[in-house]
PDB file of all heavy atoms in Angstrom:
ATOM      1  N   GLU A   1       0.564  -3.324  -4.497  1.00  0.00           N
ATOM      2  CA  GLU A   1       1.545  -4.319  -4.936  1.00  0.00           C
ATOM      3  C   GLU A   1       2.936  -3.893  -4.526  1.00  0.00           C
ATOM      4  O   GLU A   1       3.189  -2.728  -4.235  1.00  0.00           O
ATOM      5  CB  GLU A   1       1.520  -4.477  -6.457  1.00  0.00           C
ATOM      6  CG  GLU A   1       0.206  -4.922  -7.019  1.00  0.00           C
ATOM      7  CD  GLU A   1       0.232  -5.063  -8.533  1.00  0.00           C
ATOM      8  OE1 GLU A   1       1.317  -4.963  -9.133  1.00  0.00           O
ATOM      9  OE2 GLU A   1      -0.841  -5.269  -9.109  1.00  0.00           O
ATOM     10  N   GLY A   2       3.851  -4.864  -4.544  1.00  0.00           N
ATOM     11  CA  GLY A   2       5.242  -4.553  -4.261  1.00  0.00           C
ATOM     12  C   GLY A   2       6.088  -5.805  -4.271  1.00  0.00           C
ATOM     13  O   GLY A   2       5.652  -6.864  -4.745  1.00  0.00           O
ATOM     14  N   MET A   3       7.295  -5.668  -3.745  1.00  0.00           N
ATOM     15  CA  MET A   3       8.202  -6.809  -3.688  1.00  0.00           C
ATOM     16  C   MET A   3       9.150  -6.672  -2.514  1.00  0.00           C
ATOM     17  O   MET A   3       9.399  -5.585  -2.005  1.00  0.00           O
ATOM     18  CB  MET A   3       9.000  -6.947  -4.973  1.00  0.00           C
ATOM     19  CG  MET A   3      10.109  -5.941  -5.121  1.00  0.00           C
ATOM     20  SD  MET A   3      11.231  -6.397  -6.435  1.00  0.00           S
ATOM     21  CE  MET A   3      12.177  -4.900  -6.580  1.00  0.00           C
ATOM     22  N   VAL A   4       9.663  -7.833  -2.111  1.00  0.00           N
ATOM     23  CA  VAL A   4      10.692  -7.924  -1.085  1.00  0.00           C
ATOM     24  C   VAL A   4      11.883  -8.631  -1.714  1.00  0.00           C
ATOM     25  O   VAL A   4      11.717  -9.653  -2.379  1.00  0.00           O
ATOM     26  CB  VAL A   4      10.192  -8.730   0.138  1.00  0.00           C
ATOM     27  CG1 VAL A   4      11.314  -8.970   1.136  1.00  0.00           C
ATOM     28  CG2 VAL A   4       9.018  -8.023   0.796  1.00  0.00           C
ATOM     29  N   GLN A   5      13.061  -8.070  -1.514  1.00  0.00           N
ATOM     30  CA  GLN A   5      14.304  -8.726  -1.924  1.00  0.00           C
ATOM     31  C   GLN A   5      15.090  -9.013  -0.655  1.00  0.00           C
ATOM     32  O   GLN A   5      15.324  -8.106   0.145  1.00  0.00           O
ATOM     33  CB  GLN A   5      15.122  -7.837  -2.861  1.00  0.00           C
ATOM     34  CG  GLN A   5      14.447  -7.608  -4.191  1.00  0.00           C
ATOM     35  CD  GLN A   5      15.248  -6.660  -5.073  1.00  0.00           C
ATOM     36  OE1 GLN A   5      15.586  -5.556  -4.662  1.00  0.00           O
ATOM     37  NE2 GLN A   5      15.540  -7.098  -6.274  1.00  0.00           N
ATOM     38  N   ALA A   6      15.468 -10.277  -0.460  1.00  0.00           N
ATOM     39  CA  ALA A   6      16.205 -10.682   0.736  1.00  0.00           C
ATOM     40  C   ALA A   6      17.482 -11.391   0.317  1.00  0.00           C
ATOM     41  O   ALA A   6      17.505 -12.116  -0.689  1.00  0.00           O
ATOM     42  CB  ALA A   6      15.352 -11.608   1.591  1.00  0.00           C
ATOM     43  N   PHE A   7      18.531 -11.193   1.106  1.00  0.00           N
ATOM     44  CA  PHE A   7      19.845 -11.749   0.800  1.00  0.00           C
ATOM     45  C   PHE A   7      20.443 -12.370   2.054  1.00  0.00           C
ATOM     46  O   PHE A   7      20.548 -11.718   3.089  1.00  0.00           O
ATOM     47  CB  PHE A   7      20.783 -10.651   0.286  1.00  0.00           C
ATOM     48  CG  PHE A   7      20.254  -9.947  -0.926  1.00  0.00           C
ATOM     49  CD1 PHE A   7      19.428  -8.837  -0.793  1.00  0.00           C
ATOM     50  CD2 PHE A   7      20.561 -10.406  -2.194  1.00  0.00           C
ATOM     51  CE1 PHE A   7      18.923  -8.190  -1.910  1.00  0.00           C
ATOM     52  CE2 PHE A   7      20.061  -9.766  -3.322  1.00  0.00           C
ATOM     53  CZ  PHE A   7      19.243  -8.655  -3.173  1.00  0.00           C
ATOM     54  N   ARG A   8      20.825 -13.628   1.939  1.00  0.00           N
ATOM     55  CA  ARG A   8      21.519 -14.340   3.011  1.00  0.00           C
ATOM     56  C   ARG A   8      23.006 -14.357   2.655  1.00  0.00           C
ATOM     57  O   ARG A   8      23.395 -14.847   1.599  1.00  0.00           O
ATOM     58  CB  ARG A   8      20.992 -15.769   3.123  1.00  0.00           C
ATOM     59  CG  ARG A   8      21.706 -16.587   4.171  1.00  0.00           C
ATOM     60  CD  ARG A   8      21.219 -18.017   4.155  1.00  0.00           C
ATOM     61  NE  ARG A   8      21.886 -18.808   5.179  1.00  0.00           N
ATOM     62  CZ  ARG A   8      21.858 -20.115   5.231  1.00  0.00           C
ATOM     63  NH1 ARG A   8      21.187 -20.810   4.328  1.00  0.00           N
ATOM     64  NH2 ARG A   8      22.505 -20.748   6.188  1.00  0.00           N
ATOM     65  N   ARG A   9      23.820 -13.833   3.545  1.00  0.00           N
ATOM     66  CA  ARG A   9      25.256 -13.803   3.269  1.00  0.00           C
ATOM     67  C   ARG A   9      25.892 -15.161   3.550  1.00  0.00           C
ATOM     68  O   ARG A   9      25.316 -16.030   4.203  1.00  0.00           O
ATOM     69  CB  ARG A   9      25.901 -12.706   4.097  1.00  0.00           C
ATOM     70  CG  ARG A   9      25.388 -11.326   3.646  1.00  0.00           C
ATOM     71  CD  ARG A   9      26.448 -10.278   3.705  1.00  0.00           C
ATOM     72  NE  ARG A   9      26.005  -9.040   3.107  1.00  0.00           N
ATOM     73  CZ  ARG A   9      25.572  -7.989   3.801  1.00  0.00           C
ATOM     74  NH1 ARG A   9      25.503  -8.029   5.112  1.00  0.00           N
ATOM     75  NH2 ARG A   9      25.220  -6.893   3.167  1.00  0.00           N
ATOM     76  N   GLY A  10      27.110 -15.321   3.054  1.00  0.00           N
ATOM     77  CA  GLY A  10      27.788 -16.608   3.021  1.00  0.00           C
ATOM     78  C   GLY A  10      28.073 -17.276   4.347  1.00  0.00           C
ATOM     79  O   GLY A  10      28.209 -18.489   4.405  1.00  0.00           O
ATOM     80  N   GLN A  11      28.166 -16.521   5.430  1.00  0.00           N
ATOM     81  CA  GLN A  11      28.478 -17.129   6.720  1.00  0.00           C
ATOM     82  C   GLN A  11      27.288 -17.143   7.682  1.00  0.00           C
ATOM     83  O   GLN A  11      27.451 -17.458   8.863  1.00  0.00           O
ATOM     84  CB  GLN A  11      29.666 -16.400   7.354  1.00  0.00           C
ATOM     85  CG  GLN A  11      30.939 -16.562   6.544  1.00  0.00           C
ATOM     86  CD  GLN A  11      32.091 -15.751   7.117  1.00  0.00           C
ATOM     87  OE1 GLN A  11      32.017 -15.220   8.212  1.00  0.00           O
ATOM     88  NE2 GLN A  11      33.173 -15.655   6.354  1.00  0.00           N
ATOM     89  N   SER A  12      26.097 -16.856   7.157  1.00  0.00           N
ATOM     90  CA  SER A  12      24.911 -16.872   8.014  1.00  0.00           C
ATOM     91  C   SER A  12      24.502 -18.303   8.323  1.00  0.00           C
ATOM     92  O   SER A  12      24.389 -19.136   7.430  1.00  0.00           O
ATOM     93  CB  SER A  12      23.742 -16.160   7.332  1.00  0.00           C
ATOM     94  OG  SER A  12      22.573 -16.334   8.091  1.00  0.00           O
ATOM     95  N   ASN A  13      24.278 -18.597   9.598  1.00  0.00           N
ATOM     96  CA  ASN A  13      23.842 -19.920  10.034  1.00  0.00           C
ATOM     97  C   ASN A  13      22.323 -20.078   9.990  1.00  0.00           C
ATOM     98  O   ASN A  13      21.814 -21.159  10.260  1.00  0.00           O
ATOM     99  CB  ASN A  13      24.332 -20.201  11.460  1.00  0.00           C
ATOM    100  CG  ASN A  13      25.831 -20.321  11.509  1.00  0.00           C
ATOM    101  OD1 ASN A  13      26.447 -20.818  10.573  1.00  0.00           O
ATOM    102  ND2 ASN A  13      26.428 -19.850  12.589  1.00  0.00           N
ATOM    103  N   HIS A  14      21.603 -19.020   9.668  1.00  0.00           N
ATOM    104  CA  HIS A  14      20.144 -19.032   9.703  1.00  0.00           C
ATOM    105  C   HIS A  14      19.569 -19.179   8.298  1.00  0.00           C
ATOM    106  O   HIS A  14      19.870 -18.373   7.423  1.00  0.00           O
ATOM    107  CB  HIS A  14      19.613 -17.755  10.349  1.00  0.00           C
ATOM    108  CG  HIS A  14      20.185 -17.511  11.704  1.00  0.00           C
ATOM    109  ND1 HIS A  14      19.784 -18.225  12.818  1.00  0.00           N
ATOM    110  CD2 HIS A  14      21.163 -16.666  12.127  1.00  0.00           C
ATOM    111  CE1 HIS A  14      20.470 -17.804  13.870  1.00  0.00           C
ATOM    112  NE2 HIS A  14      21.312 -16.867  13.465  1.00  0.00           N
ATOM    113  N   GLU A  15      18.739 -20.207   8.095  1.00  0.00           N
ATOM    114  CA  GLU A  15      18.099 -20.426   6.795  1.00  0.00           C
ATOM    115  C   GLU A  15      16.811 -19.628   6.644  1.00  0.00           C
ATOM    116  O   GLU A  15      16.318 -19.470   5.536  1.00  0.00           O
ATOM    117  CB  GLU A  15      17.763 -21.908   6.595  1.00  0.00           C
ATOM    118  CG  GLU A  15      18.949 -22.758   6.262  1.00  0.00           C
ATOM    119  CD  GLU A  15      18.553 -24.162   5.835  1.00  0.00           C
ATOM    120  OE1 GLU A  15      17.358 -24.410   5.570  1.00  0.00           O
ATOM    121  OE2 GLU A  15      19.452 -25.001   5.767  1.00  0.00           O
ATOM    122  N   ILE A  16      16.247 -19.158   7.749  1.00  0.00           N
ATOM    123  CA  ILE A  16      14.985 -18.422   7.716  1.00  0.00           C
ATOM    124  C   ILE A  16      15.141 -17.116   8.480  1.00  0.00           C
ATOM    125  O   ILE A  16      15.742 -17.079   9.557  1.00  0.00           O
ATOM    126  CB  ILE A  16      13.843 -19.247   8.342  1.00  0.00           C
ATOM    127  CG1 ILE A  16      13.618 -20.529   7.540  1.00  0.00           C
ATOM    128  CG2 ILE A  16      12.552 -18.429   8.415  1.00  0.00           C
ATOM    129  CD1 ILE A  16      12.594 -21.461   8.139  1.00  0.00           C
ATOM    130  N   ALA A  17      14.587 -16.059   7.900  1.00  0.00           N
ATOM    131  CA  ALA A  17      14.538 -14.765   8.571  1.00  0.00           C
ATOM    132  C   ALA A  17      13.122 -14.211   8.440  1.00  0.00           C
ATOM    133  O   ALA A  17      12.407 -14.536   7.491  1.00  0.00           O
ATOM    134  CB  ALA A  17      15.556 -13.802   7.966  1.00  0.00           C
ATOM    135  N   HIS A  18      12.710 -13.396   9.417  1.00  0.00           N
ATOM    136  CA  HIS A  18      11.385 -12.779   9.405  1.00  0.00           C
ATOM    137  C   HIS A  18      11.560 -11.274   9.207  1.00  0.00           C
ATOM    138  O   HIS A  18      12.395 -10.648   9.875  1.00  0.00           O
ATOM    139  CB  HIS A  18      10.643 -13.042  10.717  1.00  0.00           C
ATOM    140  CG  HIS A  18      10.248 -14.461  10.886  1.00  0.00           C
ATOM    141  ND1 HIS A  18      11.111 -15.434  11.306  1.00  0.00           N
ATOM    142  CD2 HIS A  18       9.069 -15.078  10.646  1.00  0.00           C
ATOM    143  CE1 HIS A  18      10.484 -16.591  11.345  1.00  0.00           C
ATOM    144  NE2 HIS A  18       9.244 -16.402  10.952  1.00  0.00           N
ATOM    145  N   PHE A  19      10.750 -10.724   8.318  1.00  0.00           N
ATOM    146  CA  PHE A  19      10.829  -9.299   7.997  1.00  0.00           C
ATOM    147  C   PHE A  19       9.445  -8.673   8.125  1.00  0.00           C
ATOM    148  O   PHE A  19       8.506  -9.094   7.444  1.00  0.00           O
ATOM    149  CB  PHE A  19      11.354  -9.095   6.570  1.00  0.00           C
ATOM    150  CG  PHE A  19      12.678  -9.746   6.331  1.00  0.00           C
ATOM    151  CD1 PHE A  19      12.762 -10.909   5.580  1.00  0.00           C
ATOM    152  CD2 PHE A  19      13.843  -9.223   6.863  1.00  0.00           C
ATOM    153  CE1 PHE A  19      13.983 -11.527   5.352  1.00  0.00           C
ATOM    154  CE2 PHE A  19      15.066  -9.840   6.651  1.00  0.00           C
ATOM    155  CZ  PHE A  19      15.137 -10.980   5.897  1.00  0.00           C
ATOM    156  N   LYS A  20       9.316  -7.694   9.003  1.00  0.00           N
ATOM    157  CA  LYS A  20       8.058  -6.965   9.140  1.00  0.00           C
ATOM    158  C   LYS A  20       7.939  -6.002   7.971  1.00  0.00           C
ATOM    159  O   LYS A  20       8.787  -5.121   7.789  1.00  0.00           O
ATOM    160  CB  LYS A  20       8.022  -6.210  10.470  1.00  0.00           C
ATOM    161  CG  LYS A  20       7.906  -7.127  11.666  1.00  0.00           C
ATOM    162  CD  LYS A  20       7.790  -6.340  12.948  1.00  0.00           C
ATOM    163  CE  LYS A  20       7.664  -7.279  14.143  1.00  0.00           C
ATOM    164  NZ  LYS A  20       7.521  -6.533  15.397  1.00  0.00           N
ATOM    165  N   LEU A  21       6.879  -6.198   7.182  1.00  0.00           N
ATOM    166  CA  LEU A  21       6.689  -5.357   6.014  1.00  0.00           C
ATOM    167  C   LEU A  21       6.083  -4.023   6.416  1.00  0.00           C
ATOM    168  O   LEU A  21       5.592  -3.854   7.534  1.00  0.00           O
ATOM    169  CB  LEU A  21       5.811  -6.078   4.984  1.00  0.00           C
ATOM    170  CG  LEU A  21       6.363  -7.418   4.487  1.00  0.00           C
ATOM    171  CD1 LEU A  21       5.551  -7.905   3.289  1.00  0.00           C
ATOM    172  CD2 LEU A  21       7.834  -7.350   4.135  1.00  0.00           C
ATOM    173  N   ARG A  22       6.128  -3.074   5.506  1.00  0.00           N
ATOM    174  CA  ARG A  22       5.674  -1.716   5.785  1.00  0.00           C
ATOM    175  C   ARG A  22       4.717  -1.261   4.696  1.00  0.00           C
ATOM    176  O   ARG A  22       4.731  -1.772   3.583  1.00  0.00           O
ATOM    177  CB  ARG A  22       6.895  -0.784   5.838  1.00  0.00           C
ATOM    178  CG  ARG A  22       8.050  -1.315   6.661  1.00  0.00           C
ATOM    179  CD  ARG A  22       8.373  -0.601   7.928  1.00  0.00           C
ATOM    180  NE  ARG A  22       8.416   0.820   7.881  1.00  0.00           N
ATOM    181  CZ  ARG A  22       9.504   1.561   7.732  1.00  0.00           C
ATOM    182  NH1 ARG A  22      10.677   0.981   7.549  1.00  0.00           N
ATOM    183  NH2 ARG A  22       9.441   2.870   7.752  1.00  0.00           N
ATOM    184  N   GLY A  23       3.898  -0.282   5.028  1.00  0.00           N
ATOM    185  CA  GLY A  23       3.045   0.362   4.042  1.00  0.00           C
ATOM    186  C   GLY A  23       1.849  -0.445   3.567  1.00  0.00           C
ATOM    187  O   GLY A  23       1.172  -0.038   2.620  1.00  0.00           O
ATOM    188  N   LEU A  24       1.562  -1.584   4.196  1.00  0.00           N
ATOM    189  CA  LEU A  24       0.462  -2.432   3.746  1.00  0.00           C
ATOM    190  C   LEU A  24      -0.845  -2.050   4.427  1.00  0.00           C
ATOM    191  O   LEU A  24      -0.858  -1.395   5.460  1.00  0.00           O
ATOM    192  CB  LEU A  24       0.778  -3.907   4.035  1.00  0.00           C
ATOM    193  CG  LEU A  24       2.061  -4.478   3.439  1.00  0.00           C
ATOM    194  CD1 LEU A  24       2.170  -5.967   3.762  1.00  0.00           C
ATOM    195  CD2 LEU A  24       2.127  -4.252   1.944  1.00  0.00           C
ATOM    196  N   ASP A  25      -1.948  -2.508   3.851  1.00  0.00           N
ATOM    197  CA  ASP A  25      -3.275  -2.333   4.423  1.00  0.00           C
ATOM    198  C   ASP A  25      -3.495  -3.458   5.433  1.00  0.00           C
ATOM    199  O   ASP A  25      -3.570  -4.632   5.060  1.00  0.00           O
ATOM    200  CB  ASP A  25      -4.310  -2.397   3.299  1.00  0.00           C
ATOM    201  CG  ASP A  25      -5.746  -2.254   3.780  1.00  0.00           C
ATOM    202  OD1 ASP A  25      -5.993  -2.276   5.003  1.00  0.00           O
ATOM    203  OD2 ASP A  25      -6.618  -2.129   2.909  1.00  0.00           O
ATOM    204  N   ALA A  26      -3.598  -3.110   6.695  1.00  0.00           N
ATOM    205  CA  ALA A  26      -3.718  -4.119   7.754  1.00  0.00           C
ATOM    206  C   ALA A  26      -4.979  -4.959   7.606  1.00  0.00           C
ATOM    207  O   ALA A  26      -5.013  -6.120   8.003  1.00  0.00           O
ATOM    208  CB  ALA A  26      -3.703  -3.452   9.127  1.00  0.00           C
ATOM    209  N   GLY A  27      -6.037  -4.412   7.006  1.00  0.00           N
ATOM    210  CA  GLY A  27      -7.292  -5.129   6.872  1.00  0.00           C
ATOM    211  C   GLY A  27      -7.417  -5.964   5.606  1.00  0.00           C
ATOM    212  O   GLY A  27      -8.437  -6.606   5.394  1.00  0.00           O
ATOM    213  N   ALA A  28      -6.389  -5.976   4.788  1.00  0.00           N
ATOM    214  CA  ALA A  28      -6.444  -6.700   3.511  1.00  0.00           C
ATOM    215  C   ALA A  28      -5.650  -7.997   3.588  1.00  0.00           C
ATOM    216  O   ALA A  28      -4.866  -8.206   4.511  1.00  0.00           O
ATOM    217  CB  ALA A  28      -5.878  -5.832   2.391  1.00  0.00           C
ATOM    218  N   GLU A  29      -5.880  -8.854   2.605  1.00  0.00           N
ATOM    219  CA  GLU A  29      -5.060 -10.043   2.424  1.00  0.00           C
ATOM    220  C   GLU A  29      -4.153  -9.816   1.227  1.00  0.00           C
ATOM    221  O   GLU A  29      -4.512  -9.094   0.292  1.00  0.00           O
ATOM    222  CB  GLU A  29      -5.928 -11.281   2.194  1.00  0.00           C
ATOM    223  CG  GLU A  29      -6.634 -11.742   3.441  1.00  0.00           C
ATOM    224  CD  GLU A  29      -7.232 -13.128   3.285  1.00  0.00           C
ATOM    225  OE1 GLU A  29      -7.515 -13.540   2.143  1.00  0.00           O
ATOM    226  OE2 GLU A  29      -7.408 -13.795   4.316  1.00  0.00           O
ATOM    227  N   TYR A  30      -2.989 -10.451   1.266  1.00  0.00           N
ATOM    228  CA  TYR A  30      -2.007 -10.309   0.195  1.00  0.00           C
ATOM    229  C   TYR A  30      -1.602 -11.683  -0.313  1.00  0.00           C
ATOM    230  O   TYR A  30      -1.377 -12.601   0.476  1.00  0.00           O
ATOM    231  CB  TYR A  30      -0.771  -9.558   0.702  1.00  0.00           C
ATOM    232  CG  TYR A  30      -1.053  -8.098   0.956  1.00  0.00           C
ATOM    233  CD1 TYR A  30      -1.587  -7.659   2.157  1.00  0.00           C
ATOM    234  CD2 TYR A  30      -0.802  -7.156  -0.033  1.00  0.00           C
ATOM    235  CE1 TYR A  30      -1.875  -6.325   2.380  1.00  0.00           C
ATOM    236  CE2 TYR A  30      -1.078  -5.810   0.180  1.00  0.00           C
ATOM    237  CZ  TYR A  30      -1.616  -5.404   1.380  1.00  0.00           C
ATOM    238  OH  TYR A  30      -1.898  -4.073   1.584  1.00  0.00           O
ATOM    239  N   VAL A  31      -1.509 -11.784  -1.626  1.00  0.00           N
ATOM    240  CA  VAL A  31      -0.995 -12.995  -2.255  1.00  0.00           C
ATOM    241  C   VAL A  31       0.480 -12.744  -2.524  1.00  0.00           C
ATOM    242  O   VAL A  31       0.839 -11.791  -3.231  1.00  0.00           O
ATOM    243  CB  VAL A  31      -1.746 -13.319  -3.569  1.00  0.00           C
ATOM    244  CG1 VAL A  31      -1.144 -14.542  -4.235  1.00  0.00           C
ATOM    245  CG2 VAL A  31      -3.223 -13.522  -3.296  1.00  0.00           C
ATOM    246  N   LEU A  32       1.337 -13.586  -1.944  1.00  0.00           N
ATOM    247  CA  LEU A  32       2.785 -13.448  -2.081  1.00  0.00           C
ATOM    248  C   LEU A  32       3.314 -14.606  -2.919  1.00  0.00           C
ATOM    249  O   LEU A  32       2.942 -15.754  -2.693  1.00  0.00           O
ATOM    250  CB  LEU A  32       3.450 -13.463  -0.704  1.00  0.00           C
ATOM    251  CG  LEU A  32       3.013 -12.331   0.223  1.00  0.00           C
ATOM    252  CD1 LEU A  32       2.003 -12.837   1.216  1.00  0.00           C
ATOM    253  CD2 LEU A  32       4.194 -11.726   0.903  1.00  0.00           C
ATOM    254  N   THR A  33       4.179 -14.290  -3.869  1.00  0.00           N
ATOM    255  CA  THR A  33       4.757 -15.310  -4.742  1.00  0.00           C
ATOM    256  C   THR A  33       6.269 -15.180  -4.744  1.00  0.00           C
ATOM    257  O   THR A  33       6.804 -14.103  -5.023  1.00  0.00           O
ATOM    258  CB  THR A  33       4.227 -15.177  -6.182  1.00  0.00           C
ATOM    259  OG1 THR A  33       2.804 -15.249  -6.160  1.00  0.00           O
ATOM    260  CG2 THR A  33       4.787 -16.272  -7.076  1.00  0.00           C
ATOM    261  N   ASN A  34       6.945 -16.274  -4.422  1.00  0.00           N
ATOM    262  CA  ASN A  34       8.400 -16.329  -4.473  1.00  0.00           C
ATOM    263  C   ASN A  34       8.782 -16.582  -5.928  1.00  0.00           C
ATOM    264  O   ASN A  34       8.450 -17.633  -6.488  1.00  0.00           O
ATOM    265  CB  ASN A  34       8.917 -17.442  -3.565  1.00  0.00           C
ATOM    266  CG  ASN A  34      10.421 -17.490  -3.490  1.00  0.00           C
ATOM    267  OD1 ASN A  34      11.112 -17.363  -4.500  1.00  0.00           O
ATOM    268  ND2 ASN A  34      10.945 -17.688  -2.297  1.00  0.00           N
ATOM    269  N   LEU A  35       9.443 -15.625  -6.561  1.00  0.00           N
ATOM    270  CA  LEU A  35       9.779 -15.761  -7.977  1.00  0.00           C
ATOM    271  C   LEU A  35      10.816 -16.841  -8.237  1.00  0.00           C
ATOM    272  O   LEU A  35      10.913 -17.348  -9.359  1.00  0.00           O
ATOM    273  CB  LEU A  35      10.256 -14.424  -8.550  1.00  0.00           C
ATOM    274  CG  LEU A  35       9.223 -13.303  -8.583  1.00  0.00           C
ATOM    275  CD1 LEU A  35       9.819 -12.063  -9.243  1.00  0.00           C
ATOM    276  CD2 LEU A  35       7.955 -13.736  -9.293  1.00  0.00           C
ATOM    277  N   ASP A  36      11.582 -17.217  -7.223  1.00  0.00           N
ATOM    278  CA  ASP A  36      12.610 -18.244  -7.404  1.00  0.00           C
ATOM    279  C   ASP A  36      12.026 -19.651  -7.351  1.00  0.00           C
ATOM    280  O   ASP A  36      12.445 -20.533  -8.082  1.00  0.00           O
ATOM    281  CB  ASP A  36      13.709 -18.086  -6.345  1.00  0.00           C
ATOM    282  CG  ASP A  36      14.396 -16.732  -6.459  1.00  0.00           C
ATOM    283  OD1 ASP A  36      14.831 -16.391  -7.566  1.00  0.00           O
ATOM    284  OD2 ASP A  36      14.463 -16.025  -5.445  1.00  0.00           O
ATOM    285  N   THR A  37      11.035 -19.849  -6.485  1.00  0.00           N
ATOM    286  CA  THR A  37      10.458 -21.183  -6.315  1.00  0.00           C
ATOM    287  C   THR A  37       9.096 -21.335  -6.983  1.00  0.00           C
ATOM    288  O   THR A  37       8.635 -22.451  -7.197  1.00  0.00           O
ATOM    289  CB  THR A  37      10.287 -21.528  -4.821  1.00  0.00           C
ATOM    290  OG1 THR A  37       9.307 -20.645  -4.256  1.00  0.00           O
ATOM    291  CG2 THR A  37      11.604 -21.423  -4.073  1.00  0.00           C
ATOM    292  N   GLY A  38       8.437 -20.210  -7.246  1.00  0.00           N
ATOM    293  CA  GLY A  38       7.098 -20.245  -7.810  1.00  0.00           C
ATOM    294  C   GLY A  38       6.015 -20.490  -6.780  1.00  0.00           C
ATOM    295  O   GLY A  38       4.830 -20.500  -7.104  1.00  0.00           O
ATOM    296  N   GLU A  39       6.385 -20.685  -5.519  1.00  0.00           N
ATOM    297  CA  GLU A  39       5.412 -20.948  -4.454  1.00  0.00           C
ATOM    298  C   GLU A  39       4.663 -19.670  -4.087  1.00  0.00           C
ATOM    299  O   GLU A  39       5.249 -18.596  -4.016  1.00  0.00           O
ATOM    300  CB  GLU A  39       6.111 -21.493  -3.217  1.00  0.00           C
ATOM    301  CG  GLU A  39       6.757 -22.843  -3.425  1.00  0.00           C
ATOM    302  CD  GLU A  39       7.552 -23.312  -2.212  1.00  0.00           C
ATOM    303  OE1 GLU A  39       7.526 -22.623  -1.169  1.00  0.00           O
ATOM    304  OE2 GLU A  39       8.187 -24.359  -2.320  1.00  0.00           O
ATOM    305  N   SER A  40       3.350 -19.823  -3.856  1.00  0.00           N
ATOM    306  CA  SER A  40       2.506 -18.699  -3.459  1.00  0.00           C
ATOM    307  C   SER A  40       1.829 -18.997  -2.134  1.00  0.00           C
ATOM    308  O   SER A  40       1.603 -20.158  -1.793  1.00  0.00           O
ATOM    309  CB  SER A  40       1.433 -18.430  -4.519  1.00  0.00           C
ATOM    310  OG  SER A  40       2.001 -17.925  -5.691  1.00  0.00           O
ATOM    311  N   GLN A  41       1.498 -17.931  -1.430  1.00  0.00           N
ATOM    312  CA  GLN A  41       0.742 -18.045  -0.189  1.00  0.00           C
ATOM    313  C   GLN A  41      -0.061 -16.764  -0.003  1.00  0.00           C
ATOM    314  O   GLN A  41       0.282 -15.721  -0.562  1.00  0.00           O
ATOM    315  CB  GLN A  41       1.664 -18.289   1.007  1.00  0.00           C
ATOM    316  CG  GLN A  41       2.658 -17.172   1.268  1.00  0.00           C
ATOM    317  CD  GLN A  41       3.549 -17.453   2.463  1.00  0.00           C
ATOM    318  OE1 GLN A  41       3.107 -17.994   3.464  1.00  0.00           O
ATOM    319  NE2 GLN A  41       4.808 -17.071   2.362  1.00  0.00           N
TER     320      GLN A  41
END
């Protein structure tokens, strides 16, 4: 288990960013939940 915290600064023109995660099991699946929106994938 773990978490990602991401921050978009005030003058960024990009609404989406991609972040390569670390330390995960490549052969496993992960359920990710955005605590702000409640959306899971």
